[in-house]
Amino acid sequence: MRPLLAICVLGLLAACGADGEPERPEPRRPIDISVSGTAEIGIHSP
């Protein structure tokens, strides 16, 4: 059991940084969102 655990831990450590240094993502442009409408609250009697 110990050799299997050692192989798993070694695999995880070897995978860290395998593709190089982390890169910062490109900044996103702000999205223009507008919301409009009306809302009413009350009691309606016939």
PDB file of N, CA and C in Angstrom:
ATOM      1  N   MET A   1       0.817  -1.189   0.000  1.00  0.00           N
ATOM      2  CA  MET A   1       0.000   0.000   0.000  1.00  0.00           C
ATOM      3  C   MET A   1       0.865   1.258   0.000  1.00  0.00           C
ATOM      4  N   ARG A   2       1.972   1.230   0.715  1.00  0.00           N
ATOM      5  CA  ARG A   2       2.850   2.393   0.772  1.00  0.00           C
ATOM      6  C   ARG A   2       3.458   2.732  -0.589  1.00  0.00           C
ATOM      7  N   PRO A   3       3.899   1.739  -1.369  1.00  0.00           N
ATOM      8  CA  PRO A   3       4.439   2.108  -2.692  1.00  0.00           C
ATOM      9  C   PRO A   3       3.400   2.772  -3.596  1.00  0.00           C
ATOM     10  N   LEU A   4       2.155   2.332  -3.513  1.00  0.00           N
ATOM     11  CA  LEU A   4       1.090   2.936  -4.321  1.00  0.00           C
ATOM     12  C   LEU A   4       0.863   4.385  -3.889  1.00  0.00           C
ATOM     13  N   LEU A   5       0.838   4.618  -2.586  1.00  0.00           N
ATOM     14  CA  LEU A   5       0.672   5.976  -2.077  1.00  0.00           C
ATOM     15  C   LEU A   5       1.843   6.860  -2.489  1.00  0.00           C
ATOM     16  N   ALA A   6       3.045   6.332  -2.424  1.00  0.00           N
ATOM     17  CA  ALA A   6       4.228   7.104  -2.810  1.00  0.00           C
ATOM     18  C   ALA A   6       4.184   7.462  -4.293  1.00  0.00           C
ATOM     19  N   ILE A   7       3.740   6.532  -5.124  1.00  0.00           N
ATOM     20  CA  ILE A   7       3.646   6.806  -6.566  1.00  0.00           C
ATOM     21  C   ILE A   7       2.595   7.883  -6.832  1.00  0.00           C
ATOM     22  N   CYS A   8       1.463   7.828  -6.125  1.00  0.00           N
ATOM     23  CA  CYS A   8       0.419   8.843  -6.312  1.00  0.00           C
ATOM     24  C   CYS A   8       0.905  10.224  -5.893  1.00  0.00           C
ATOM     25  N   VAL A   9       1.573  10.305  -4.750  1.00  0.00           N
ATOM     26  CA  VAL A   9       2.086  11.586  -4.275  1.00  0.00           C
ATOM     27  C   VAL A   9       3.151  12.121  -5.231  1.00  0.00           C
ATOM     28  N   LEU A  10       4.008  11.258  -5.710  1.00  0.00           N
ATOM     29  CA  LEU A  10       5.041  11.674  -6.656  1.00  0.00           C
ATOM     30  C   LEU A  10       4.413  12.176  -7.955  1.00  0.00           C
ATOM     31  N   GLY A  11       3.354  11.503  -8.405  1.00  0.00           N
ATOM     32  CA  GLY A  11       2.662  11.952  -9.620  1.00  0.00           C
ATOM     33  C   GLY A  11       2.032  13.318  -9.453  1.00  0.00           C
ATOM     34  N   LEU A  12       1.438  13.564  -8.290  1.00  0.00           N
ATOM     35  CA  LEU A  12       0.835  14.877  -8.042  1.00  0.00           C
ATOM     36  C   LEU A  12       1.889  15.969  -7.982  1.00  0.00           C
ATOM     37  N   LEU A  13       2.991  15.693  -7.329  1.00  0.00           N
ATOM     38  CA  LEU A  13       4.059  16.688  -7.248  1.00  0.00           C
ATOM     39  C   LEU A  13       4.695  16.947  -8.611  1.00  0.00           C
ATOM     40  N   ALA A  14       4.814  15.929  -9.418  1.00  0.00           N
ATOM     41  CA  ALA A  14       5.414  16.101 -10.740  1.00  0.00           C
ATOM     42  C   ALA A  14       4.496  16.907 -11.662  1.00  0.00           C
ATOM     43  N   ALA A  15       3.190  16.829 -11.435  1.00  0.00           N
ATOM     44  CA  ALA A  15       2.246  17.542 -12.289  1.00  0.00           C
ATOM     45  C   ALA A  15       2.177  19.032 -11.964  1.00  0.00           C
ATOM     46  N   CYS A  16       2.612  19.426 -10.780  1.00  0.00           N
ATOM     47  CA  CYS A  16       2.563  20.843 -10.399  1.00  0.00           C
ATOM     48  C   CYS A  16       3.546  21.643 -11.255  1.00  0.00           C
ATOM     49  N   GLY A  17       3.042  22.613 -11.971  1.00  0.00           N
ATOM     50  CA  GLY A  17       3.896  23.466 -12.785  1.00  0.00           C
ATOM     51  C   GLY A  17       4.437  22.785 -14.025  1.00  0.00           C
ATOM     52  N   ALA A  18       3.798  21.712 -14.467  1.00  0.00           N
ATOM     53  CA  ALA A  18       4.298  20.983 -15.623  1.00  0.00           C
ATOM     54  C   ALA A  18       4.201  21.810 -16.907  1.00  0.00           C
ATOM     55  N   ASP A  19       3.255  22.730 -16.964  1.00  0.00           N
ATOM     56  CA  ASP A  19       3.087  23.529 -18.180  1.00  0.00           C
ATOM     57  C   ASP A  19       3.711  24.908 -18.053  1.00  0.00           C
ATOM     58  N   GLY A  20       4.524  25.143 -17.054  1.00  0.00           N
ATOM     59  CA  GLY A  20       5.212  26.425 -16.913  1.00  0.00           C
ATOM     60  C   GLY A  20       4.580  27.282 -15.837  1.00  0.00           C
ATOM     61  N   GLU A  21       5.041  28.512 -15.779  1.00  0.00           N
ATOM     62  CA  GLU A  21       4.538  29.453 -14.786  1.00  0.00           C
ATOM     63  C   GLU A  21       3.080  29.800 -15.085  1.00  0.00           C
ATOM     64  N   PRO A  22       2.310  30.078 -14.056  1.00  0.00           N
ATOM     65  CA  PRO A  22       0.922  30.484 -14.297  1.00  0.00           C
ATOM     66  C   PRO A  22       0.882  31.831 -15.006  1.00  0.00           C
ATOM     67  N   GLU A  23      -0.092  31.988 -15.879  1.00  0.00           N
ATOM     68  CA  GLU A  23      -0.246  33.229 -16.637  1.00  0.00           C
ATOM     69  C   GLU A  23      -1.527  33.922 -16.217  1.00  0.00           C
ATOM     70  N   ARG A  24      -1.452  35.235 -16.115  1.00  0.00           N
ATOM     71  CA  ARG A  24      -2.628  36.029 -15.749  1.00  0.00           C
ATOM     72  C   ARG A  24      -3.569  36.097 -16.961  1.00  0.00           C
ATOM     73  N   PRO A  25      -4.868  35.867 -16.768  1.00  0.00           N
ATOM     74  CA  PRO A  25      -5.802  35.950 -17.894  1.00  0.00           C
ATOM     75  C   PRO A  25      -5.939  37.379 -18.399  1.00  0.00           C
ATOM     76  N   GLU A  26      -6.319  37.515 -19.661  1.00  0.00           N
ATOM     77  CA  GLU A  26      -6.510  38.846 -20.239  1.00  0.00           C
ATOM     78  C   GLU A  26      -7.706  39.512 -19.571  1.00  0.00           C
ATOM     79  N   PRO A  27      -7.610  40.809 -19.303  1.00  0.00           N
ATOM     80  CA  PRO A  27      -8.743  41.482 -18.657  1.00  0.00           C
ATOM     81  C   PRO A  27      -9.971  41.484 -19.572  1.00  0.00           C
ATOM     82  N   ARG A  28     -11.117  41.287 -18.955  1.00  0.00           N
ATOM     83  CA  ARG A  28     -12.371  41.285 -19.722  1.00  0.00           C
ATOM     84  C   ARG A  28     -12.880  42.709 -19.868  1.00  0.00           C
ATOM     85  N   ARG A  29     -13.502  42.950 -21.007  1.00  0.00           N
ATOM     86  CA  ARG A  29     -14.137  44.248 -21.204  1.00  0.00           C
ATOM     87  C   ARG A  29     -15.459  44.247 -20.439  1.00  0.00           C
ATOM     88  N   PRO A  30     -15.827  45.370 -19.835  1.00  0.00           N
ATOM     89  CA  PRO A  30     -17.104  45.418 -19.115  1.00  0.00           C
ATOM     90  C   PRO A  30     -18.273  45.233 -20.080  1.00  0.00           C
ATOM     91  N   ILE A  31     -19.282  44.552 -19.618  1.00  0.00           N
ATOM     92  CA  ILE A  31     -20.483  44.307 -20.424  1.00  0.00           C
ATOM     93  C   ILE A  31     -21.536  45.333 -20.030  1.00  0.00           C
ATOM     94  N   ASP A  32     -22.109  45.993 -21.028  1.00  0.00           N
ATOM     95  CA  ASP A  32     -23.162  46.974 -20.763  1.00  0.00           C
ATOM     96  C   ASP A  32     -24.489  46.239 -20.640  1.00  0.00           C
ATOM     97  N   ILE A  33     -25.055  46.283 -19.446  1.00  0.00           N
ATOM     98  CA  ILE A  33     -26.339  45.633 -19.196  1.00  0.00           C
ATOM     99  C   ILE A  33     -27.284  46.683 -18.641  1.00  0.00           C
ATOM    100  N   SER A  34     -28.470  46.701 -19.180  1.00  0.00           N
ATOM    101  CA  SER A  34     -29.476  47.595 -18.631  1.00  0.00           C
ATOM    102  C   SER A  34     -30.754  46.790 -18.391  1.00  0.00           C
ATOM    103  N   VAL A  35     -31.420  47.111 -17.287  1.00  0.00           N
ATOM    104  CA  VAL A  35     -32.664  46.441 -16.923  1.00  0.00           C
ATOM    105  C   VAL A  35     -33.709  47.509 -16.715  1.00  0.00           C
ATOM    106  N   SER A  36     -34.871  47.311 -17.321  1.00  0.00           N
ATOM    107  CA  SER A  36     -35.945  48.284 -17.139  1.00  0.00           C
ATOM    108  C   SER A  36     -37.267  47.549 -17.024  1.00  0.00           C
ATOM    109  N   GLY A  37     -38.257  48.213 -16.461  1.00  0.00           N
ATOM    110  CA  GLY A  37     -39.566  47.599 -16.314  1.00  0.00           C
ATOM    111  C   GLY A  37     -40.327  48.252 -15.171  1.00  0.00           C
ATOM    112  N   THR A  38     -41.496  47.726 -14.890  1.00  0.00           N
ATOM    113  CA  THR A  38     -42.303  48.239 -13.796  1.00  0.00           C
ATOM    114  C   THR A  38     -42.773  47.072 -12.939  1.00  0.00           C
ATOM    115  N   ALA A  39     -43.123  47.408 -11.727  1.00  0.00           N
ATOM    116  CA  ALA A  39     -43.679  46.408 -10.810  1.00  0.00           C
ATOM    117  C   ALA A  39     -44.778  47.087  -9.996  1.00  0.00           C
ATOM    118  N   GLU A  40     -45.837  46.360  -9.767  1.00  0.00           N
ATOM    119  CA  GLU A  40     -46.955  46.902  -8.996  1.00  0.00           C
ATOM    120  C   GLU A  40     -47.357  45.876  -7.951  1.00  0.00           C
ATOM    121  N   ILE A  41     -47.731  46.388  -6.795  1.00  0.00           N
ATOM    122  CA  ILE A  41     -48.198  45.534  -5.712  1.00  0.00           C
ATOM    123  C   ILE A  41     -49.522  46.111  -5.224  1.00  0.00           C
ATOM    124  N   GLY A  42     -50.473  45.249  -5.018  1.00  0.00           N
ATOM    125  CA  GLY A  42     -51.758  45.725  -4.501  1.00  0.00           C
ATOM    126  C   GLY A  42     -52.818  44.650  -4.617  1.00  0.00           C
ATOM    127  N   ILE A  43     -54.026  45.051  -4.239  1.00  0.00           N
ATOM    128  CA  ILE A  43     -55.166  44.122  -4.309  1.00  0.00           C
ATOM    129  C   ILE A  43     -56.108  44.641  -5.363  1.00  0.00           C
ATOM    130  N   HIS A  44     -56.567  43.742  -6.202  1.00  0.00           N
ATOM    131  CA  HIS A  44     -57.481  44.113  -7.275  1.00  0.00           C
ATOM    132  C   HIS A  44     -58.841  43.506  -6.961  1.00  0.00           C
ATOM    133  N   SER A  45     -59.862  44.348  -6.872  1.00  0.00           N
ATOM    134  CA  SER A  45     -61.198  43.810  -6.648  1.00  0.00           C
ATOM    135  C   SER A  45     -62.058  44.049  -7.896  1.00  0.00           C
ATOM    136  N   PRO A  46     -62.869  43.070  -8.267  1.00  0.00           N
ATOM    137  CA  PRO A  46     -63.685  43.214  -9.503  1.00  0.00           C
ATOM    138  C   PRO A  46     -64.758  44.257  -9.418  1.00  0.00           C
TER     139      PRO A  46
END
